[in-house]
């Protein structure tokens, strides 16, 4: 065996010997060729499996996490004692933290929301003979004009997101493609929706957008509507109006307040302070206006020391004119009030009392329901800082009087089952990485031992020429590092290529009913890949120190004689 030193080559002794051992043949055969192949393939396979494992698991965790957060938020502020945001008691929208957090540099977004269950009724099928009316339960999420639409815009497949910027309550909604398929809905159609209260309430909405996230668990039930609908439907706050009864009481009209919302235990202020009376009798003889302020109470009618609902105010204007002649159908007959309506909504009407023509003009209360929301959702910038940011929000929210009334919970608390499950995936990753590294180390260790045994005479000659054990060990460690690096190169090339193909072409699909996703997700991170390569290289080289120790046991006299 001989080595040729090229001109102008500057290499250390051990590196030079190691490089040439892998290049030159002995007795017409490449002694290290099968060993090299086995070593490179084992390291390459370990790298391929580890890269794909990390990319898929990180992608899966990131995709599911982003979808869960997209439907909700990183942190939620609700009424204290509530177990679920979907069934929370209302809280006042006028909170001291609301304008402050919306301008805080630590918080990306804070937005009021509300939820209410509903039933959707399917549309007629094109094939009427096979048509069967379907009813499906959904969860309506109410949002306002400040809502962050980024998530739903990125998953929008038809139409647009609703516009809630108008002063009037919008009937536009956003639904999922799964709901649309199940109930035969199409973009632009009206949707008949039923809300359960003391009696079912029917509302019609217009579909302006259809989204699809692949997260079937929530896709199949969540629709987005105007927050103002849900504030009213949930009977938050007080809403009152003044009506005239359809029958007389002892020849007098009955003026009364009709109220919904609050706790149902109402008090009325007709101008002389709060009392229990919802109405009174009245005989119209001159122009007048009645106004009532309605609130609720718990034990004491003055409401002192109690947390009462924000009151609502309604009024009715009465104008009395002398009737020029009897008006057909407008009279007062034996205790029954017959009306002539002056508008299509029935707010304004006339009745005739004897020779007087009395006009009523109702002005219902606007309702205090808009002062209440189900919760506040908070979005933060960095998932890795979630716990710190949630604690920061708690410190801002739970101050003074809010300490007992409100609570702040993170998405990990509200969706604990999903995040515990995602956390278990990390354990699987550690197991797979460890096993693949162990396989690579065993294969490399075996290859190094074989190379040492094959080069026994060479080791003896090197020792006879004055080389010490550590110098010779370094020769073989250089050889091992070369094989590891070559295997890592091919492993990175194949593993990253596979990940890129899956990321952009998505040939491997999943069942969204089981995995919440419709394709195998991929997340390639340069820092993670570099870290994996460094750990693999360092761990494998350190593991090679043990088999290289065999060199110290080889005696020059015996090894040269053996040769």
Protein backbone atom coordinates (compact mmCIF):
# COMPACT_ATOMS: atom_id res chain seq x y z
CA UNK A 1 0.00 0.00 0.00
CA UNK A 2 1.26 3.47 -0.76
CA UNK A 3 -0.08 7.04 -0.62
CA UNK A 4 0.63 9.82 -3.06
CA UNK A 5 0.89 13.31 -1.63
CA UNK A 6 -0.29 15.85 -4.14
CA UNK A 7 1.60 19.06 -4.58
CA UNK A 8 0.36 22.09 -2.59
CA UNK A 9 -1.86 19.82 -0.46
CA UNK A 10 -2.06 21.03 3.13
CA UNK A 11 -3.75 18.45 5.33
CA UNK A 12 -3.18 17.18 8.82
CA UNK A 13 -1.69 13.74 9.08
CA UNK A 14 -4.77 11.87 10.30
CA UNK A 15 -7.14 13.49 7.79
CA UNK A 16 -4.82 12.73 4.89
CA UNK A 17 -4.51 9.06 5.84
CA UNK A 18 -8.29 8.68 6.38
CA UNK A 19 -9.14 10.19 3.00
CA UNK A 20 -6.79 7.92 1.13
CA UNK A 21 -7.89 4.80 2.97
CA UNK A 22 -11.33 5.26 1.46
CA UNK A 23 -9.96 5.88 -2.06
CA UNK A 24 -7.33 3.26 -2.67
CA UNK A 25 -7.75 -0.42 -3.38
CA UNK A 26 -6.01 -3.33 -1.75
CA UNK A 27 -5.32 -6.50 -3.75
CA UNK A 28 -7.54 -5.25 -6.56
CA UNK A 29 -10.64 -4.82 -4.36
CA UNK A 30 -12.14 -1.88 -2.52
CA UNK A 31 -11.97 -3.24 1.00
CA UNK A 32 -14.28 -0.61 2.47
CA UNK A 33 -16.86 -0.57 -0.32
CA UNK A 34 -19.61 -2.79 1.22
CA UNK A 35 -18.98 -1.28 4.64
CA UNK A 36 -19.25 2.22 3.26
CA UNK A 37 -22.52 1.43 1.51
CA UNK A 38 -24.10 -0.10 4.60
CA UNK A 39 -23.02 2.85 6.76
CA UNK A 40 -24.20 5.51 4.33
CA UNK A 41 -27.55 3.80 3.77
CA UNK A 42 -28.19 3.39 7.51
CA UNK A 43 -27.41 7.03 8.29
CA UNK A 44 -29.39 8.20 5.24
CA UNK A 45 -32.43 6.16 6.30
CA UNK A 46 -32.19 7.51 9.83
CA UNK A 47 -32.08 11.08 8.53
CA UNK A 48 -34.97 10.50 6.09
CA UNK A 49 -37.21 9.05 8.79
CA UNK A 50 -36.26 11.74 11.33
CA UNK A 51 -36.78 14.65 8.93
CA UNK A 52 -40.15 13.32 7.78
CA UNK A 53 -41.20 12.57 11.36
CA UNK A 54 -40.32 16.06 12.57
CA UNK A 55 -41.90 17.77 9.55
CA UNK A 56 -45.14 15.76 9.76
CA UNK A 57 -45.58 15.99 13.53
CA UNK A 58 -44.72 19.70 13.65
CA UNK A 59 -46.98 20.29 10.67
CA UNK A 60 -49.80 18.31 12.24
CA UNK A 61 -49.48 20.13 15.57
CA UNK A 62 -49.27 23.50 13.85
CA UNK A 63 -52.20 22.87 11.49
CA UNK A 64 -54.54 21.57 14.18
CA UNK A 65 -53.46 24.29 16.60
CA UNK A 66 -53.99 27.04 14.02
CA UNK A 67 -57.43 25.69 13.13
CA UNK A 68 -58.52 25.49 16.76
CA UNK A 69 -57.24 29.03 17.37
CA UNK A 70 -58.81 30.22 14.11
CA UNK A 71 -62.24 29.11 15.30
CA UNK A 72 -61.58 30.65 18.70
CA UNK A 73 -58.63 32.62 20.10
CA UNK A 74 -55.46 32.27 22.17
CA UNK A 75 -57.21 33.53 25.30
CA UNK A 76 -60.83 34.15 26.27
CA UNK A 77 -62.32 36.48 28.88
CA UNK A 78 -65.62 35.19 30.26
CA UNK A 79 -67.84 35.44 33.31
CA UNK A 80 -66.26 33.87 36.36
CA UNK A 81 -67.50 30.36 37.10
CA UNK A 82 -68.40 29.49 33.50
CA UNK A 83 -67.10 26.16 32.21
CA UNK A 84 -67.65 26.80 28.50
CA UNK A 85 -67.54 29.87 26.30
CA UNK A 86 -70.47 28.41 24.33
CA UNK A 87 -72.82 28.63 27.34
CA UNK A 88 -71.41 31.66 29.15
CA UNK A 89 -73.39 34.30 31.00
CA UNK A 90 -73.24 37.80 29.48
CA UNK A 91 -70.69 40.38 30.54
CA UNK A 92 -70.77 44.12 29.95
CA UNK A 93 -69.00 45.25 26.81
CA UNK A 94 -68.09 48.50 28.53
CA UNK A 95 -65.03 47.23 30.37
CA UNK A 96 -62.02 49.29 31.37
CA UNK A 97 -59.63 46.72 29.86
CA UNK A 98 -61.36 46.62 26.47
CA UNK A 99 -60.03 49.87 24.99
CA UNK A 100 -56.69 49.42 26.77
CA UNK A 101 -55.96 45.91 25.47
CA UNK A 102 -57.02 46.86 21.94
CA UNK A 103 -54.10 49.32 21.91
CA UNK A 104 -51.63 47.17 23.87
CA UNK A 105 -48.50 46.16 21.93
CA UNK A 106 -48.53 42.69 23.54
CA UNK A 107 -52.01 41.91 22.21
CA UNK A 108 -52.67 41.38 18.53
CA UNK A 109 -56.46 41.65 18.76
CA UNK A 110 -59.31 41.70 21.26
CA UNK A 111 -62.81 41.15 19.93
CA UNK A 112 -66.28 40.62 21.48
CA UNK A 113 -68.18 37.45 20.54
CA UNK A 114 -71.31 35.51 21.46
CA UNK A 115 -72.65 32.01 20.76
CA UNK A 116 -76.10 30.47 20.44
CA UNK A 117 -77.31 27.05 19.25
CA UNK A 118 -79.69 26.99 16.30
CA UNK A 119 -81.41 24.66 13.83
CA UNK A 120 -80.99 25.00 10.07
CA UNK A 121 -83.60 23.81 7.59
CA UNK A 122 -82.45 22.34 4.29
CA UNK A 123 -83.31 23.73 0.87
CA UNK A 124 -85.43 21.90 -1.68
CA UNK A 125 -83.54 19.41 -3.79
CA UNK A 126 -83.51 19.68 -7.59
CA UNK A 127 -84.97 16.16 -7.67
CA UNK A 128 -88.22 16.81 -5.81
CA UNK A 129 -89.24 13.15 -5.85
CA UNK A 130 -86.23 12.23 -3.70
CA UNK A 131 -86.41 15.32 -1.52
CA UNK A 132 -86.64 14.93 2.23
CA UNK A 133 -86.57 17.95 4.53
CA UNK A 134 -83.48 17.94 6.73
CA UNK A 135 -82.87 19.74 10.01
CA UNK A 136 -79.34 20.15 11.35
CA UNK A 137 -78.12 21.60 14.64
CA UNK A 138 -75.42 24.25 14.42
CA UNK A 139 -73.63 26.73 16.64
CA UNK A 140 -73.93 30.36 15.59
CA UNK A 141 -70.99 32.58 16.47
CA UNK A 142 -71.76 36.29 16.57
CA UNK A 143 -68.97 38.77 15.77
CA UNK A 144 -68.83 42.49 15.08
CA UNK A 145 -66.97 44.78 12.69
CA UNK A 146 -63.74 44.51 14.72
CA UNK A 147 -63.45 40.75 14.12
CA UNK A 148 -60.20 39.41 12.64
CA UNK A 149 -61.19 37.55 9.45
CA UNK A 150 -57.65 36.36 8.58
CA UNK A 151 -58.32 32.69 9.33
CA UNK A 152 -61.62 32.46 7.46
CA UNK A 153 -60.31 34.45 4.49
CA UNK A 154 -57.46 31.98 4.12
CA UNK A 155 -59.97 29.10 4.09
CA UNK A 156 -62.65 30.78 1.95
CA UNK A 157 -63.62 28.74 -1.13
CA UNK A 158 -66.62 30.77 -2.35
CA UNK A 159 -67.93 34.29 -1.95
CA UNK A 160 -66.63 36.69 0.68
CA UNK A 161 -66.69 37.23 4.42
CA UNK A 162 -69.75 39.06 5.86
CA UNK A 163 -69.75 42.83 6.23
CA UNK A 164 -70.93 44.02 9.64
CA UNK A 165 -69.87 47.67 9.31
CA UNK A 166 -73.42 48.98 8.79
CA UNK A 167 -75.33 50.68 11.60
CA UNK A 168 -78.19 48.26 10.94
CA UNK A 169 -78.01 44.60 11.93
CA UNK A 170 -76.75 42.52 8.99
CA UNK A 171 -78.39 39.27 7.85
CA UNK A 172 -75.21 38.02 6.11
CA UNK A 173 -73.66 34.77 7.32
CA UNK A 174 -70.62 32.62 6.58
CA UNK A 175 -71.10 28.83 6.54
CA UNK A 176 -68.87 25.81 5.89
CA UNK A 177 -68.88 23.71 2.74
CA UNK A 178 -69.91 20.69 4.82
CA UNK A 179 -73.07 22.40 6.07
CA UNK A 180 -73.77 23.58 2.52
CA UNK A 181 -73.50 20.02 1.18
CA UNK A 182 -75.54 18.48 3.97
CA UNK A 183 -78.43 20.94 3.60
CA UNK A 184 -78.19 21.64 -0.14
CA UNK A 185 -77.23 25.30 0.31
CA UNK A 186 -75.66 27.47 -2.34
CA UNK A 187 -73.94 30.82 -2.28
CA UNK A 188 -76.41 33.72 -2.22
CA UNK A 189 -79.37 31.69 -0.94
CA UNK A 190 -81.49 32.53 2.08
CA UNK A 191 -81.22 30.20 5.07
CA UNK A 192 -84.12 29.52 7.40
CA UNK A 193 -82.81 29.37 10.97
CA UNK A 194 -84.67 28.51 14.16
CA UNK A 195 -83.52 29.64 17.61
CA UNK A 196 -84.96 28.07 20.72
CA UNK A 197 -86.24 30.48 23.37
CA UNK A 198 -89.50 30.38 25.32
CA UNK A 199 -90.93 29.82 21.88
CA UNK A 200 -88.98 29.12 18.65
CA UNK A 201 -87.76 32.23 16.83
CA UNK A 202 -87.38 32.04 13.07
CA UNK A 203 -84.85 34.17 11.22
CA UNK A 204 -83.70 34.27 7.62
CA UNK A 205 -80.05 34.82 6.77
CA UNK A 206 -78.23 35.22 3.47
CA UNK A 207 -75.15 33.12 2.63
CA UNK A 208 -72.38 35.43 1.37
CA UNK A 209 -69.42 33.10 1.87
CA UNK A 210 -68.51 29.42 2.18
CA UNK A 211 -65.35 28.23 3.93
CA UNK A 212 -63.61 24.87 4.29
CA UNK A 213 -60.86 24.24 6.85
CA UNK A 214 -60.74 20.44 6.84
CA UNK A 215 -61.35 20.46 10.60
CA UNK A 216 -64.59 18.51 10.32
CA UNK A 217 -65.40 18.65 14.03
CA UNK A 218 -66.06 22.41 13.83
CA UNK A 219 -66.74 22.73 10.10
CA UNK A 220 -69.94 20.75 10.52
CA UNK A 221 -71.44 23.04 13.15
CA UNK A 222 -70.07 26.61 13.13
CA UNK A 223 -71.58 29.52 11.19
CA UNK A 224 -70.67 33.19 11.59
CA UNK A 225 -73.30 35.93 11.91
CA UNK A 226 -73.74 39.48 13.16
CA UNK A 227 -73.17 39.77 16.90
CA UNK A 228 -76.25 41.99 17.28
CA UNK A 229 -78.57 39.12 16.34
CA UNK A 230 -77.24 36.95 19.14
CA UNK A 231 -77.22 39.74 21.70
CA UNK A 232 -80.93 40.16 21.12
CA UNK A 233 -81.76 36.46 20.82
CA UNK A 234 -79.98 35.64 24.08
CA UNK A 235 -82.24 38.12 25.92
CA UNK A 236 -79.23 39.94 27.27
CA UNK A 237 -80.08 43.29 28.73
CA UNK A 238 -83.62 44.64 28.80
CA UNK A 239 -85.85 45.43 25.84
CA UNK A 240 -89.23 47.03 26.42
CA UNK A 241 -92.14 48.55 24.53
CA UNK A 242 -95.47 50.17 25.42
CA UNK A 243 -98.65 48.63 24.08
CA UNK A 244 -102.39 49.25 24.30
CA UNK A 245 -104.45 46.27 25.45
CA UNK A 246 -107.07 44.86 23.07
CA UNK A 247 -109.85 45.16 25.64
CA UNK A 248 -111.12 47.87 28.00
CA UNK A 249 -111.06 47.79 31.75
CA UNK A 250 -114.10 49.51 33.23
CA UNK A 251 -114.36 51.64 30.10
CA UNK A 252 -110.72 52.73 30.18
CA UNK A 253 -107.81 51.87 27.88
CA UNK A 254 -105.04 49.79 29.41
CA UNK A 255 -101.52 51.11 28.77
CA UNK A 256 -98.87 48.57 29.69
CA UNK A 257 -95.17 47.82 29.23
CA UNK A 258 -94.05 44.56 27.63
CA UNK A 259 -90.49 43.56 28.54
CA UNK A 260 -88.07 40.75 27.73
CA UNK A 261 -84.56 40.01 28.94
CA UNK A 262 -82.92 40.40 32.31
CA UNK A 263 -83.84 38.00 35.07
CA UNK A 264 -87.58 38.31 34.45
CA UNK A 265 -88.26 40.14 37.71
CA UNK A 266 -89.03 43.67 36.47
CA UNK A 267 -89.52 47.10 38.00
CA UNK A 268 -91.12 50.04 36.15
CA UNK A 269 -90.58 53.77 36.37
CA UNK A 270 -93.42 55.74 34.76
CA UNK A 271 -92.00 59.04 36.02
CA UNK A 272 -92.49 58.71 39.77
CA UNK A 273 -89.79 56.21 40.67
CA UNK A 274 -89.66 52.42 40.38
CA UNK A 275 -92.63 50.27 41.37
CA UNK A 276 -94.12 46.89 40.49
CA UNK A 277 -96.86 48.10 38.13
CA UNK A 278 -96.37 47.24 34.49
CA UNK A 279 -99.30 49.43 33.35
CA UNK A 280 -102.30 51.59 34.19
CA UNK A 281 -105.74 52.57 32.87
CA UNK A 282 -106.22 55.73 30.87
CA UNK A 283 -109.04 57.62 29.14
CA UNK A 284 -107.77 59.75 26.23
CA UNK A 285 -108.97 63.36 26.44
CA UNK A 286 -105.86 65.35 25.45
CA UNK A 287 -102.48 65.00 23.77
CA UNK A 288 -99.89 63.36 25.98
CA UNK A 289 -96.77 61.17 25.96
CA UNK A 290 -96.03 58.30 28.32
CA UNK A 291 -92.51 57.04 28.94
CA UNK A 292 -91.37 54.08 30.98
CA UNK A 293 -87.94 52.96 32.18
CA UNK A 294 -87.73 49.23 32.88
CA UNK A 295 -85.04 47.34 34.74
CA UNK A 296 -84.86 44.13 36.73
CA UNK A 297 -84.12 43.54 40.39
CA UNK A 298 -83.44 40.62 42.70
CA UNK A 299 -84.77 41.35 46.19
CA UNK A 300 -85.10 45.08 46.64
CA UNK A 301 -87.06 47.22 44.23
CA UNK A 302 -84.63 50.12 44.60
CA UNK A 303 -81.88 47.80 43.37
CA UNK A 304 -79.33 49.12 45.83
CA UNK A 305 -76.43 46.75 46.37
CA UNK A 306 -77.65 44.45 43.55
CA UNK A 307 -76.21 43.83 40.12
CA UNK A 308 -79.12 44.81 37.93
CA UNK A 309 -79.39 44.81 34.16
CA UNK A 310 -78.94 48.04 32.26
CA UNK A 311 -82.48 49.48 31.90
CA UNK A 312 -84.33 50.27 28.67
CA UNK A 313 -86.69 53.14 27.87
CA UNK A 314 -89.82 53.13 25.69
CA UNK A 315 -92.48 55.73 24.98
CA UNK A 316 -95.87 56.15 23.33
CA UNK A 317 -97.25 59.44 22.00
CA UNK A 318 -101.03 59.97 22.06
CA UNK A 319 -102.79 62.59 19.96
CA UNK A 320 -106.50 63.29 20.43
CA UNK A 321 -108.58 64.89 17.69
CA UNK A 322 -112.31 65.45 17.28
CA UNK A 323 -113.73 63.02 14.75
CA UNK A 324 -115.48 64.83 11.87
CA UNK A 325 -117.58 61.80 11.11
CA UNK A 326 -117.79 58.17 12.17
CA UNK A 327 -114.95 56.14 10.72
CA UNK A 328 -115.89 52.72 9.49
CA UNK A 329 -114.23 50.00 11.52
CA UNK A 330 -112.66 52.39 14.02
CA UNK A 331 -114.76 52.46 17.17
CA UNK A 332 -114.94 51.26 20.69
CA UNK A 333 -117.49 48.49 20.94
CA UNK A 334 -118.43 46.79 24.19
CA UNK A 335 -114.97 46.45 25.70
CA UNK A 336 -113.09 45.56 22.53
CA UNK A 337 -110.52 47.90 20.99
CA UNK A 338 -110.63 47.97 17.20
CA UNK A 339 -107.65 49.60 15.53
CA UNK A 340 -106.87 51.17 12.20
CA UNK A 341 -103.17 50.70 11.54
CA UNK A 342 -101.24 53.60 10.06
CA UNK A 343 -98.15 51.60 9.04
CA UNK A 344 -97.23 48.10 7.98
CA UNK A 345 -95.37 47.32 11.21
CA UNK A 346 -98.30 48.04 13.51
CA UNK A 347 -96.42 50.59 15.57
CA UNK A 348 -98.81 53.43 14.75
CA UNK A 349 -102.59 53.07 14.86
CA UNK A 350 -105.87 54.92 15.51
CA UNK A 351 -108.97 54.15 17.48
CA UNK A 352 -112.22 56.08 17.87
CA UNK A 353 -113.54 56.77 21.36
CA UNK A 354 -117.00 58.34 21.22
CA UNK A 355 -116.51 61.50 19.15
CA UNK A 356 -112.71 61.52 19.55
CA UNK A 357 -110.16 60.11 17.13
CA UNK A 358 -107.12 58.95 19.11
CA UNK A 359 -103.77 58.24 17.39
CA UNK A 360 -101.00 56.25 19.05
CA UNK A 361 -97.33 56.46 17.99
CA UNK A 362 -95.13 53.88 19.65
CA UNK A 363 -91.40 54.25 20.11
CA UNK A 364 -89.99 51.00 21.40
CA UNK A 365 -86.83 50.93 23.44
CA UNK A 366 -83.62 50.22 21.56
CA UNK A 367 -82.81 47.60 24.13
CA UNK A 368 -79.77 47.39 26.35
CA UNK A 369 -78.76 44.02 24.87
CA UNK A 370 -76.03 45.68 22.81
CA UNK A 371 -74.24 46.47 26.06
CA UNK A 372 -73.58 42.75 26.67
CA UNK A 373 -71.43 40.09 25.02
CA UNK A 374 -70.74 36.44 25.70
CA UNK A 375 -66.95 36.80 25.89
CA UNK A 376 -63.90 38.65 24.67
CA UNK A 377 -61.43 36.77 22.48
CA UNK A 378 -57.77 37.79 22.65
CA UNK A 379 -55.20 37.01 19.96
CA UNK A 380 -51.47 37.20 20.68
CA UNK A 381 -48.46 37.31 18.37
CA UNK A 382 -46.31 34.37 19.47
CA UNK A 383 -47.57 30.90 20.37
CA UNK A 384 -44.35 30.15 22.25
CA UNK A 385 -45.14 33.05 24.61
CA UNK A 386 -48.74 31.94 25.18
CA UNK A 387 -48.48 31.36 28.94
CA UNK A 388 -46.66 34.65 29.54
CA UNK A 389 -49.17 36.57 27.40
CA UNK A 390 -52.17 34.94 29.10
CA UNK A 391 -50.75 35.89 32.50
CA UNK A 392 -50.20 39.41 31.19
CA UNK A 393 -53.86 39.59 30.10
CA UNK A 394 -54.96 38.28 33.51
CA UNK A 395 -53.01 41.03 35.24
CA UNK A 396 -54.70 43.64 33.05
CA UNK A 397 -58.22 42.22 33.31
CA UNK A 398 -58.52 40.89 36.86
CA UNK A 399 -58.07 44.19 38.65
CA UNK A 400 -60.35 45.72 41.28
CA UNK A 401 -64.01 44.90 40.81
CA UNK A 402 -63.28 42.51 37.89
CA UNK A 403 -61.36 40.12 40.13
CA UNK A 404 -64.41 38.09 41.15
CA UNK A 405 -66.60 38.76 38.11
CA UNK A 406 -64.37 37.65 35.25
CA UNK A 407 -61.87 34.97 34.40
CA UNK A 408 -59.20 34.57 31.70
CA UNK A 409 -58.55 31.14 30.19
CA UNK A 410 -56.16 30.08 27.44
CA UNK A 411 -56.99 27.94 24.43
CA UNK A 412 -55.11 25.09 26.13
CA UNK A 413 -57.66 25.20 28.97
CA UNK A 414 -60.72 25.51 26.74
CA UNK A 415 -59.59 22.76 24.32
CA UNK A 416 -57.63 20.66 26.81
CA UNK A 417 -58.37 17.29 25.17
CA UNK A 418 -56.96 18.35 21.80
CA UNK A 419 -53.81 19.93 23.21
CA UNK A 420 -53.09 17.00 25.55
CA UNK A 421 -53.40 14.74 22.51
CA UNK A 422 -51.06 16.98 20.49
CA UNK A 423 -48.62 16.95 23.40
CA UNK A 424 -48.44 13.16 23.30
CA UNK A 425 -47.14 13.42 19.73
CA UNK A 426 -43.92 14.96 21.10
CA UNK A 427 -43.27 11.76 23.04
CA UNK A 428 -43.70 9.75 19.83
CA UNK A 429 -41.19 12.02 18.08
CA UNK A 430 -38.58 11.54 20.82
CA UNK A 431 -39.02 7.78 20.66
CA UNK A 432 -38.70 7.66 16.86
CA UNK A 433 -35.68 9.99 16.80
CA UNK A 434 -33.95 7.99 19.52
CA UNK A 435 -34.60 4.65 17.80
CA UNK A 436 -33.37 5.88 14.43
CA UNK A 437 -30.25 7.41 15.98
CA UNK A 438 -29.62 4.17 17.84
CA UNK A 439 -29.94 2.17 14.61
CA UNK A 440 -27.55 4.55 12.87
CA UNK A 441 -25.06 4.34 15.75
CA UNK A 442 -25.19 0.53 15.79
CA UNK A 443 -24.64 0.33 12.04
CA UNK A 444 -21.83 2.88 12.11
CA UNK A 445 -20.24 1.18 15.12
CA UNK A 446 -20.36 -2.18 13.36
CA UNK A 447 -18.91 -0.68 10.20
CA UNK A 448 -16.12 0.99 12.15
CA UNK A 449 -15.24 -2.25 13.94
CA UNK A 450 -15.10 -4.12 10.63
CA UNK A 451 -12.89 -1.41 9.11
CA UNK A 452 -10.55 -1.61 12.10
CA UNK A 453 -10.33 -5.39 11.85
CA UNK A 454 -9.71 -5.24 8.10
CA UNK A 455 -6.96 -2.67 8.67
CA UNK A 456 -5.29 -4.56 11.55
CA UNK A 457 -1.95 -4.85 9.75
CA UNK A 458 -2.12 -1.18 8.76
CA UNK A 459 -2.71 -0.21 12.38
CA UNK A 460 0.29 -2.30 13.43
CA UNK A 461 2.50 -0.68 10.81
CA UNK A 462 1.37 2.80 11.90
CA UNK A 463 2.21 2.02 15.51
CA UNK A 464 5.58 0.57 14.45
CA UNK A 465 6.28 3.82 12.56
CA UNK A 466 5.65 5.83 15.75
CA UNK A 467 1.98 6.82 15.55
CA UNK A 468 0.22 6.81 18.92
CA UNK A 469 -3.20 5.28 19.64
CA UNK A 470 -5.11 8.59 19.55
CA UNK A 471 -3.65 9.54 16.14
CA UNK A 472 -4.74 6.22 14.69
CA UNK A 473 -8.14 6.49 16.35
CA UNK A 474 -8.55 9.93 14.76
CA UNK A 475 -7.85 8.38 11.34
CA UNK A 476 -10.81 6.05 11.74
CA UNK A 477 -13.00 8.75 13.32
CA UNK A 478 -12.35 10.90 10.25
CA UNK A 479 -13.43 7.97 8.11
CA UNK A 480 -16.58 7.57 10.22
CA UNK A 481 -17.36 11.31 9.99
CA UNK A 482 -17.00 11.14 6.21
CA UNK A 483 -19.47 8.26 6.01
CA UNK A 484 -21.87 9.99 8.42
CA UNK A 485 -21.77 13.26 6.46
CA UNK A 486 -22.34 11.47 3.16
CA UNK A 487 -25.28 9.55 4.62
CA UNK A 488 -26.66 12.77 6.11
CA UNK A 489 -26.36 14.51 2.74
CA UNK A 490 -28.42 11.86 0.95
CA UNK A 491 -30.84 11.63 3.88
CA UNK A 492 -31.41 15.39 3.84
CA UNK A 493 -31.82 15.46 0.08
CA UNK A 494 -34.37 12.64 -0.03
CA UNK A 495 -36.18 13.59 3.19
CA UNK A 496 -36.56 17.29 2.35
CA UNK A 497 -37.57 16.47 -1.24
CA UNK A 498 -40.31 14.16 0.01
CA UNK A 499 -41.55 16.84 2.40
CA UNK A 500 -41.63 19.50 -0.32
CA UNK A 501 -43.58 17.20 -2.65
CA UNK A 502 -46.14 16.51 0.07
CA UNK A 503 -46.35 20.18 1.08
CA UNK A 504 -47.13 21.46 -2.41
CA UNK A 505 -48.73 18.50 -4.21
CA UNK A 506 -50.31 16.68 -1.20
CA UNK A 507 -50.31 13.13 -2.65
CA UNK A 508 -50.92 11.64 0.82
CA UNK A 509 -54.43 12.38 2.11
CA UNK A 510 -56.13 11.83 5.47
CA UNK A 511 -59.63 11.21 6.75
CA UNK A 512 -60.69 14.53 8.35
CA UNK A 513 -63.15 12.68 10.59
CA UNK A 514 -60.21 11.03 12.35
CA UNK A 515 -57.29 13.42 11.92
CA UNK A 516 -59.05 16.84 11.62
CA UNK A 517 -57.11 17.36 8.36
CA UNK A 518 -57.63 16.26 4.76
CA UNK A 519 -53.93 15.81 3.89
CA UNK A 520 -50.68 14.94 5.68
CA UNK A 521 -49.37 18.31 6.89
CA UNK A 522 -45.74 19.37 6.54
CA UNK A 523 -43.82 22.06 8.39
CA UNK A 524 -40.17 22.43 7.40
CA UNK A 525 -38.12 24.62 9.72
CA UNK A 526 -34.52 25.44 8.82
CA UNK A 527 -33.47 25.75 12.46
CA UNK A 528 -34.98 22.37 13.35
CA UNK A 529 -33.33 20.64 10.35
CA UNK A 530 -29.93 22.17 11.16
CA UNK A 531 -30.31 21.18 14.81
CA UNK A 532 -31.22 17.62 13.83
CA UNK A 533 -28.14 17.37 11.62
CA UNK A 534 -25.81 18.72 14.29
CA UNK A 535 -27.21 16.40 16.96
CA UNK A 536 -26.97 13.40 14.62
CA UNK A 537 -23.36 14.19 13.69
CA UNK A 538 -22.22 14.86 17.26
CA UNK A 539 -24.01 11.88 18.82
CA UNK A 540 -22.77 9.47 16.13
CA UNK A 541 -19.16 10.68 16.41
CA UNK A 542 -19.22 10.44 20.19
CA UNK A 543 -20.67 6.95 19.89
CA UNK A 544 -17.74 6.01 17.60
CA UNK A 545 -15.23 6.68 20.38
CA UNK A 546 -16.08 3.37 22.05
CA UNK A 547 -15.48 1.01 19.08
CA UNK A 548 -12.34 2.98 18.13
CA UNK A 549 -10.93 2.03 21.54
CA UNK A 550 -10.25 -1.41 20.03
CA UNK A 551 -7.22 0.15 18.28
CA UNK A 552 -5.42 0.48 21.60
CA UNK A 553 -5.54 -3.30 22.02
CA UNK A 554 -3.76 -4.07 18.73
CA UNK A 555 -0.05 -4.91 19.15
CA UNK A 556 2.30 -4.10 16.22
CA UNK A 557 4.29 -7.33 16.48
CA UNK A 558 1.26 -9.59 16.25
CA UNK A 559 -0.62 -7.58 13.64
CA UNK A 560 2.35 -7.28 11.26
CA UNK A 561 3.19 -10.95 11.71
CA UNK A 562 -0.45 -11.80 11.07
CA UNK A 563 -0.29 -9.84 7.82
